Amino acid sequence: MYGARGFGAVDEIVRIPVIEYLLVGVLAALVGAGLRAAGLVRRRRPAGASQDEG
């Protein structure tokens, strides 16, 4: 593949997977933050409120 494109693009072998892993980490952090925020919202309900009320 790199014989036809030239060896100047060989850095893609490392760069592209690193970017993908970083994006997975960012996505996991966003999901975790959303779940943590949802947990905080659930804990702040008044003591007399039932779960059926939205």
C-alpha atoms as a PDB file:
ATOM      1  CA  MET A   1       0.000   0.000   0.000  1.00  0.00           C
ATOM      2  CA  TYR A   2       2.676   2.505   0.956  1.00  0.00           C
ATOM      3  CA  GLY A   3       4.816   1.531  -2.011  1.00  0.00           C
ATOM      4  CA  ALA A   4       2.295   3.178  -4.332  1.00  0.00           C
ATOM      5  CA  ARG A   5       1.599   6.182  -2.080  1.00  0.00           C
ATOM      6  CA  GLY A   6       5.149   6.742  -1.001  1.00  0.00           C
ATOM      7  CA  PHE A   7       6.736   6.214   2.356  1.00  0.00           C
ATOM      8  CA  GLY A   8       5.987   9.769   3.468  1.00  0.00           C
ATOM      9  CA  ALA A   9       2.587   8.586   4.737  1.00  0.00           C
ATOM     10  CA  VAL A  10       3.932   5.734   6.874  1.00  0.00           C
ATOM     11  CA  ASP A  11       3.171   7.783   9.997  1.00  0.00           C
ATOM     12  CA  GLU A  12      -0.503   6.962   9.367  1.00  0.00           C
ATOM     13  CA  ILE A  13       0.179   3.455  10.672  1.00  0.00           C
ATOM     14  CA  VAL A  14       0.547   4.909  14.167  1.00  0.00           C
ATOM     15  CA  ARG A  15      -1.309   8.216  13.913  1.00  0.00           C
ATOM     16  CA  ILE A  16      -4.716   6.912  12.835  1.00  0.00           C
ATOM     17  CA  PRO A  17      -5.079   4.221  15.560  1.00  0.00           C
ATOM     18  CA  VAL A  18      -3.883   6.675  18.225  1.00  0.00           C
ATOM     19  CA  ILE A  19      -6.529   9.196  17.153  1.00  0.00           C
ATOM     20  CA  GLU A  20      -9.210   6.489  17.218  1.00  0.00           C
ATOM     21  CA  TYR A  21      -8.223   5.353  20.718  1.00  0.00           C
ATOM     22  CA  LEU A  22      -8.242   8.965  21.932  1.00  0.00           C
ATOM     23  CA  LEU A  23     -11.722   9.468  20.511  1.00  0.00           C
ATOM     24  CA  VAL A  24     -12.936   6.322  22.277  1.00  0.00           C
ATOM     25  CA  GLY A  25     -11.506   7.698  25.525  1.00  0.00           C
ATOM     26  CA  VAL A  26     -13.230  11.056  25.009  1.00  0.00           C
ATOM     27  CA  LEU A  27     -16.514   9.326  24.237  1.00  0.00           C
ATOM     28  CA  ALA A  28     -16.200   7.151  27.361  1.00  0.00           C
ATOM     29  CA  ALA A  29     -15.492  10.252  29.460  1.00  0.00           C
ATOM     30  CA  LEU A  30     -18.567  12.009  28.054  1.00  0.00           C
ATOM     31  CA  VAL A  31     -20.792   9.002  28.712  1.00  0.00           C
ATOM     32  CA  GLY A  32     -19.375   8.688  32.227  1.00  0.00           C
ATOM     33  CA  ALA A  33     -19.985  12.381  32.904  1.00  0.00           C
ATOM     34  CA  GLY A  34     -23.553  12.037  31.648  1.00  0.00           C
ATOM     35  CA  LEU A  35     -24.193   9.045  33.878  1.00  0.00           C
ATOM     36  CA  ARG A  36     -22.679  10.843  36.862  1.00  0.00           C
ATOM     37  CA  ALA A  37     -24.855  13.905  36.181  1.00  0.00           C
ATOM     38  CA  ALA A  38     -27.945  11.709  35.902  1.00  0.00           C
ATOM     39  CA  GLY A  39     -27.065  10.118  39.236  1.00  0.00           C
ATOM     40  CA  LEU A  40     -26.744  13.518  40.875  1.00  0.00           C
ATOM     41  CA  VAL A  41     -30.111  14.602  39.486  1.00  0.00           C
ATOM     42  CA  ARG A  42     -31.757  11.436  40.801  1.00  0.00           C
ATOM     43  CA  ARG A  43     -30.309  11.931  44.279  1.00  0.00           C
ATOM     44  CA  ARG A  44     -31.579  15.519  44.487  1.00  0.00           C
ATOM     45  CA  ARG A  45     -35.262  14.566  44.314  1.00  0.00           C
ATOM     46  CA  PRO A  46     -37.346  15.659  47.271  1.00  0.00           C
ATOM     47  CA  ALA A  47     -37.898  13.005  49.929  1.00  0.00           C
ATOM     48  CA  GLY A  48     -41.669  12.800  49.298  1.00  0.00           C
ATOM     49  CA  ALA A  49     -41.452  12.580  45.505  1.00  0.00           C
ATOM     50  CA  SER A  50     -42.209   9.240  43.910  1.00  0.00           C
ATOM     51  CA  GLN A  51     -40.266   7.842  41.001  1.00  0.00           C
ATOM     52  CA  ASP A  52     -43.342   7.981  38.750  1.00  0.00           C
ATOM     53  CA  GLU A  53     -43.303  11.769  38.774  1.00  0.00           C
ATOM     54  CA  GLY A  54     -41.082  13.229  36.096  1.00  0.00           C
END
